[in-house]
C-alpha atoms as a PDB file:
ATOM      1  CA  ALA A   1      94.250  22.064   3.357  1.00  0.00           C
ATOM      2  CA  THR A   2      93.387  19.643   0.956  1.00  0.00           C
ATOM      3  CA  SER A   3      94.470  16.961   2.971  1.00  0.00           C
ATOM      4  CA  GLU A   4      92.293  18.381   5.805  1.00  0.00           C
ATOM      5  CA  ALA A   5      89.255  18.836   3.867  1.00  0.00           C
ATOM      6  CA  LEU A   6      89.346  15.176   2.598  1.00  0.00           C
ATOM      7  CA  GLU A   7      89.441  13.991   6.205  1.00  0.00           C
ATOM      8  CA  GLU A   8      86.850  15.779   7.323  1.00  0.00           C
ATOM      9  CA  TYR A   9      84.990  13.910   4.965  1.00  0.00           C
ATOM     10  CA  GLY A  10      86.218  10.142   6.422  1.00  0.00           C
ATOM     11  CA  ILE A  11      88.923  10.105   3.170  1.00  0.00           C
ATOM     12  CA  ALA A  12      92.079   8.565   4.863  1.00  0.00           C
ATOM     13  CA  VAL A  13      95.137  10.805   3.244  1.00  0.00           C
ATOM     14  CA  SER A  14      97.742   8.409   2.893  1.00  0.00           C
ATOM     15  CA  PHE A  15     100.867  10.753   1.678  1.00  0.00           C
ATOM     16  CA  CYS A  16     101.261  14.692   1.822  1.00  0.00           C
ATOM     17  CA  PRO A  17     103.759  16.433  -0.309  1.00  0.00           C
ATOM     18  CA  SER A  18     106.025  18.923   2.047  1.00  0.00           C
ATOM     19  CA  LYS A  19     104.658  21.930  -0.985  1.00  0.00           C
ATOM     20  CA  ALA A  20     101.851  21.808  -2.987  1.00  0.00           C
ATOM     21  CA  ILE A  21     103.627  21.516  -6.189  1.00  0.00           C
ATOM     22  CA  ALA A  22     103.661  19.050  -8.831  1.00  0.00           C
ATOM     23  CA  THR A  23     107.533  19.110  -9.326  1.00  0.00           C
ATOM     24  CA  THR A  24     107.559  18.088  -5.204  1.00  0.00           C
ATOM     25  CA  LEU A  25     104.709  15.448  -5.422  1.00  0.00           C
ATOM     26  CA  MET A  26     107.127  13.924  -7.897  1.00  0.00           C
ATOM     27  CA  LEU A  27     110.246  14.126  -5.586  1.00  0.00           C
ATOM     28  CA  GLU A  28     108.678  12.927  -2.368  1.00  0.00           C
ATOM     29  CA  LEU A  29     105.988  10.660  -3.841  1.00  0.00           C
ATOM     30  CA  PRO A  30     106.864   7.354  -2.309  1.00  0.00           C
ATOM     31  CA  ALA A  31     107.505   4.152  -4.269  1.00  0.00           C
ATOM     32  CA  THR A  32     104.861   1.923  -4.873  1.00  0.00           C
ATOM     33  CA  ARG A  33     104.253  -1.097  -7.146  1.00  0.00           C
ATOM     34  CA  VAL A  34     102.469  -0.146 -10.170  1.00  0.00           C
ATOM     35  CA  THR A  35     100.834  -2.490 -12.273  1.00  0.00           C
ATOM     36  CA  ASP A  36      99.327  -2.067 -15.737  1.00  0.00           C
ATOM     37  CA  ALA A  37      95.791  -1.635 -14.402  1.00  0.00           C
ATOM     38  CA  THR A  38      96.913   1.192 -12.057  1.00  0.00           C
ATOM     39  CA  ARG A  39      94.706   4.056 -13.165  1.00  0.00           C
ATOM     40  CA  VAL A  40      94.948   7.636 -11.881  1.00  0.00           C
ATOM     41  CA  LEU A  41      92.359  10.276 -12.312  1.00  0.00           C
ATOM     42  CA  TYR A  42      93.584  14.039 -12.275  1.00  0.00           C
ATOM     43  CA  PRO A  43      91.208  16.340 -12.342  1.00  0.00           C
ATOM     44  CA  ALA A  44      93.015  19.652 -12.900  1.00  0.00           C
ATOM     45  CA  SER A  45      92.184  23.095 -14.566  1.00  0.00           C
ATOM     46  CA  ALA A  46      92.756  23.493 -18.131  1.00  0.00           C
ATOM     47  CA  LYS A  47      95.432  25.539 -18.381  1.00  0.00           C
ATOM     48  CA  ALA A  48      97.297  23.454 -15.649  1.00  0.00           C
ATOM     49  CA  ARG A  49     100.738  22.489 -16.814  1.00  0.00           C
ATOM     50  CA  THR A  50     101.439  18.772 -17.576  1.00  0.00           C
ATOM     51  CA  THR A  51     104.056  18.236 -15.056  1.00  0.00           C
ATOM     52  CA  LEU A  52     102.344  16.069 -12.788  1.00  0.00           C
ATOM     53  CA  GLU A  53     100.831  14.104 -15.496  1.00  0.00           C
ATOM     54  CA  ASN A  54     104.008  13.249 -17.373  1.00  0.00           C
ATOM     55  CA  GLY A  55     105.806  12.539 -13.673  1.00  0.00           C
ATOM     56  CA  LEU A  56     103.003  10.101 -12.828  1.00  0.00           C
ATOM     57  CA  ARG A  57     103.155   8.387 -16.863  1.00  0.00           C
ATOM     58  CA  GLU A  58     106.679   8.061 -16.325  1.00  0.00           C
ATOM     59  CA  ARG A  59     106.448   6.672 -13.127  1.00  0.00           C
ATOM     60  CA  GLY A  60     104.159   3.617 -14.721  1.00  0.00           C
ATOM     61  CA  PHE A  61     100.956   5.239 -13.844  1.00  0.00           C
ATOM     62  CA  GLU A  62      98.008   5.632 -16.750  1.00  0.00           C
ATOM     63  CA  VAL A  63      96.815   8.705 -16.063  1.00  0.00           C
ATOM     64  CA  VAL A  64      93.255   9.704 -17.176  1.00  0.00           C
ATOM     65  CA  ARG A  65      93.565  13.828 -17.298  1.00  0.00           C
ATOM     66  CA  LEU A  66      90.055  15.429 -16.582  1.00  0.00           C
ATOM     67  CA  ASN A  67      89.763  19.082 -17.168  1.00  0.00           C
ATOM     68  CA  ALA A  68      87.390  20.310 -14.483  1.00  0.00           C
ATOM     69  CA  TYR A  69      87.460  23.712 -14.996  1.00  0.00           C
ATOM     70  CA  ASP A  70      88.990  26.841 -16.642  1.00  0.00           C
ATOM     71  CA  THR A  71      90.072  30.045 -15.739  1.00  0.00           C
ATOM     72  CA  VAL A  72      89.004  33.085 -18.174  1.00  0.00           C
ATOM     73  CA  SER A  73      90.191  36.274 -17.178  1.00  0.00           C
ATOM     74  CA  ALA A  74      88.061  39.245 -16.156  1.00  0.00           C
ATOM     75  CA  HIS A  75      87.793  42.564 -18.344  1.00  0.00           C
ATOM     76  CA  TRP A  76      88.560  45.718 -15.901  1.00  0.00           C
ATOM     77  CA  THR A  77      86.438  48.593 -16.041  1.00  0.00           C
ATOM     78  CA  HIS A  78      88.143  52.219 -16.528  1.00  0.00           C
ATOM     79  CA  ILE A  79      87.759  52.666 -12.152  1.00  0.00           C
ATOM     80  CA  GLN A  80      89.442  49.332 -11.761  1.00  0.00           C
ATOM     81  CA  ARG A  81      92.216  50.338 -14.455  1.00  0.00           C
ATOM     82  CA  THR A  82      92.900  53.358 -12.424  1.00  0.00           C
ATOM     83  CA  ASN A  83      92.905  51.968  -9.153  1.00  0.00           C
ATOM     84  CA  ALA A  84      95.402  49.283 -10.336  1.00  0.00           C
ATOM     85  CA  GLU A  85      97.407  52.141 -11.713  1.00  0.00           C
ATOM     86  CA  LYS A  86      97.874  53.147  -8.267  1.00  0.00           C
ATOM     87  CA  CYS A  87      99.087  49.814  -6.620  1.00  0.00           C
ATOM     88  CA  GLN A  88     102.751  49.142  -5.726  1.00  0.00           C
ATOM     89  CA  VAL A  89     102.040  45.778  -4.828  1.00  0.00           C
ATOM     90  CA  ALA A  90      99.883  42.857  -6.804  1.00  0.00           C
ATOM     91  CA  CYS A  91      98.931  39.850  -5.112  1.00  0.00           C
ATOM     92  CA  PHE A  92      98.874  36.930  -7.478  1.00  0.00           C
ATOM     93  CA  GLY A  93      96.943  33.520  -6.515  1.00  0.00           C
ATOM     94  CA  SER A  94      97.611  31.642 -10.099  1.00  0.00           C
ATOM     95  CA  PRO A  95      99.705  31.738 -13.118  1.00  0.00           C
ATOM     96  CA  SER A  96      95.951  33.045 -14.703  1.00  0.00           C
ATOM     97  CA  ALA A  97      95.692  36.085 -12.199  1.00  0.00           C
ATOM     98  CA  VAL A  98      99.443  37.045 -12.929  1.00  0.00           C
ATOM     99  CA  ASP A  99      98.219  36.785 -16.836  1.00  0.00           C
ATOM    100  CA  GLY A 100      94.964  38.631 -16.287  1.00  0.00           C
ATOM    101  CA  TRP A 101      96.728  41.472 -14.627  1.00  0.00           C
ATOM    102  CA  LEU A 102      99.238  41.924 -17.378  1.00  0.00           C
ATOM    103  CA  ARG A 103      96.125  41.852 -20.048  1.00  0.00           C
ATOM    104  CA  ASN A 104      94.390  44.390 -18.043  1.00  0.00           C
ATOM    105  CA  SER A 105      97.109  46.526 -17.279  1.00  0.00           C
ATOM    106  CA  ASN A 106      98.913  47.272 -20.069  1.00  0.00           C
ATOM    107  CA  ASN A 107     101.666  44.749 -19.111  1.00  0.00           C
ATOM    108  CA  ASN A 108     102.507  46.634 -15.503  1.00  0.00           C
ATOM    109  CA  THR A 109     105.678  44.820 -14.676  1.00  0.00           C
ATOM    110  CA  THR A 110     106.773  47.815 -11.938  1.00  0.00           C
ATOM    111  CA  VAL A 111     104.434  46.549  -8.661  1.00  0.00           C
ATOM    112  CA  LEU A 112     105.746  44.079  -6.652  1.00  0.00           C
ATOM    113  CA  ALA A 113     104.699  40.756  -7.198  1.00  0.00           C
ATOM    114  CA  ALA A 114     103.459  39.516  -3.858  1.00  0.00           C
ATOM    115  CA  CYS A 115     102.619  35.761  -5.395  1.00  0.00           C
ATOM    116  CA  ILE A 116     101.096  32.480  -3.527  1.00  0.00           C
ATOM    117  CA  GLY A 117     103.797  30.139  -4.515  1.00  0.00           C
ATOM    118  CA  LYS A 118     106.693  29.283  -6.838  1.00  0.00           C
ATOM    119  CA  THR A 119     104.730  28.547  -9.841  1.00  0.00           C
ATOM    120  CA  SER A 120     102.858  32.178  -9.995  1.00  0.00           C
ATOM    121  CA  ALA A 121     106.262  33.436  -9.141  1.00  0.00           C
ATOM    122  CA  ASP A 122     108.081  31.876 -11.720  1.00  0.00           C
ATOM    123  CA  VAL A 123     105.504  33.431 -14.209  1.00  0.00           C
ATOM    124  CA  CYS A 124     106.188  36.574 -13.245  1.00  0.00           C
ATOM    125  CA  ARG A 125     109.795  36.208 -13.826  1.00  0.00           C
ATOM    126  CA  ASP A 126     108.741  34.767 -17.383  1.00  0.00           C
ATOM    127  CA  ARG A 127     106.577  37.677 -18.180  1.00  0.00           C
ATOM    128  CA  GLY A 128     109.208  40.325 -17.207  1.00  0.00           C
ATOM    129  CA  TRP A 129     109.175  40.988 -13.720  1.00  0.00           C
ATOM    130  CA  PRO A 130     112.549  41.942 -12.409  1.00  0.00           C
ATOM    131  CA  LYS A 131     113.753  38.874  -9.682  1.00  0.00           C
ATOM    132  CA  GLU A 132     114.100  41.560  -6.835  1.00  0.00           C
ATOM    133  CA  CYS A 133     110.501  42.250  -7.359  1.00  0.00           C
ATOM    134  CA  ILE A 134     108.847  39.111  -6.741  1.00  0.00           C
ATOM    135  CA  PHE A 135     108.066  37.938  -3.415  1.00  0.00           C
ATOM    136  CA  PHE A 136     106.948  34.103  -2.630  1.00  0.00           C
ATOM    137  CA  PRO A 137     106.938  31.836   0.286  1.00  0.00           C
ATOM    138  CA  ASP A 138     108.754  28.730   0.181  1.00  0.00           C
ATOM    139  CA  LYS A 139     105.982  26.709   0.871  1.00  0.00           C
ATOM    140  CA  PRO A 140     102.646  27.849  -1.155  1.00  0.00           C
ATOM    141  CA  GLY A 141      99.661  28.651   0.793  1.00  0.00           C
ATOM    142  CA  ILE A 142      97.587  31.295   2.150  1.00  0.00           C
ATOM    143  CA  GLU A 143     100.145  31.812   5.509  1.00  0.00           C
ATOM    144  CA  GLY A 144     102.990  32.177   3.227  1.00  0.00           C
ATOM    145  CA  TRP A 145     101.435  34.577   0.985  1.00  0.00           C
ATOM    146  CA  ILE A 146     100.531  36.892   3.686  1.00  0.00           C
ATOM    147  CA  ASN A 147     104.323  37.245   5.250  1.00  0.00           C
ATOM    148  CA  VAL A 148     105.138  37.682   1.492  1.00  0.00           C
ATOM    149  CA  VAL A 149     102.829  40.415   0.994  1.00  0.00           C
ATOM    150  CA  GLU A 150     104.176  41.433   4.924  1.00  0.00           C
ATOM    151  CA  GLU A 151     107.497  41.223   3.008  1.00  0.00           C
ATOM    152  CA  ALA A 152     106.661  43.354  -0.359  1.00  0.00           C
ATOM    153  CA  VAL A 153     105.268  46.281   1.903  1.00  0.00           C
ATOM    154  CA  ASP A 154     108.137  46.274   3.750  1.00  0.00           C
ATOM    155  CA  ALA A 155     110.203  46.525   0.971  1.00  0.00           C
ATOM    156  CA  LEU A 156     108.211  49.541  -0.326  1.00  0.00           C
ATOM    157  CA  VAL A 157     108.588  51.076   3.746  1.00  0.00           C
ATOM    158  CA  SER A 158     112.758  50.163   3.346  1.00  0.00           C
ATOM    159  CA  GLU A 159     112.865  51.962  -0.565  1.00  0.00           C
ATOM    160  CA  THR A 160     111.279  55.198   0.848  1.00  0.00           C
ATOM    161  CA  ALA A 161     113.051  55.575   3.935  1.00  0.00           C
END
């Protein structure tokens, strides 16, 4: 999606990794001649991990990280908590969403977690979800996320059948 958005503005995209995660980008990024003057601006969330930043440095780039935004968890109302208690599947689009869910739901890891990608799924696992209750696509994105939501719902249906 990012490469298409850039191309709409006439910005040529010379490389796009097969998965939109830092570890894949670092593995697939083509070798390039790096000089002392090769500087990369890395705008990121203030909460973003340093995987990409460190990987680029290891390859010889000078990385200038710019914390472009921050995420803040919402505080739920009583009605929102009550509605969340009725949920059987929670959909997570970021690690911050996982943490926000846990803060507001009294650490409820009994719901099935439908994650947009591996990073959010890893956070679910690290925060106590059983492996079999976490669903995520091989390739992050909306289409894969929709599919794993369906898989999670199908798992619920199979459980009750």
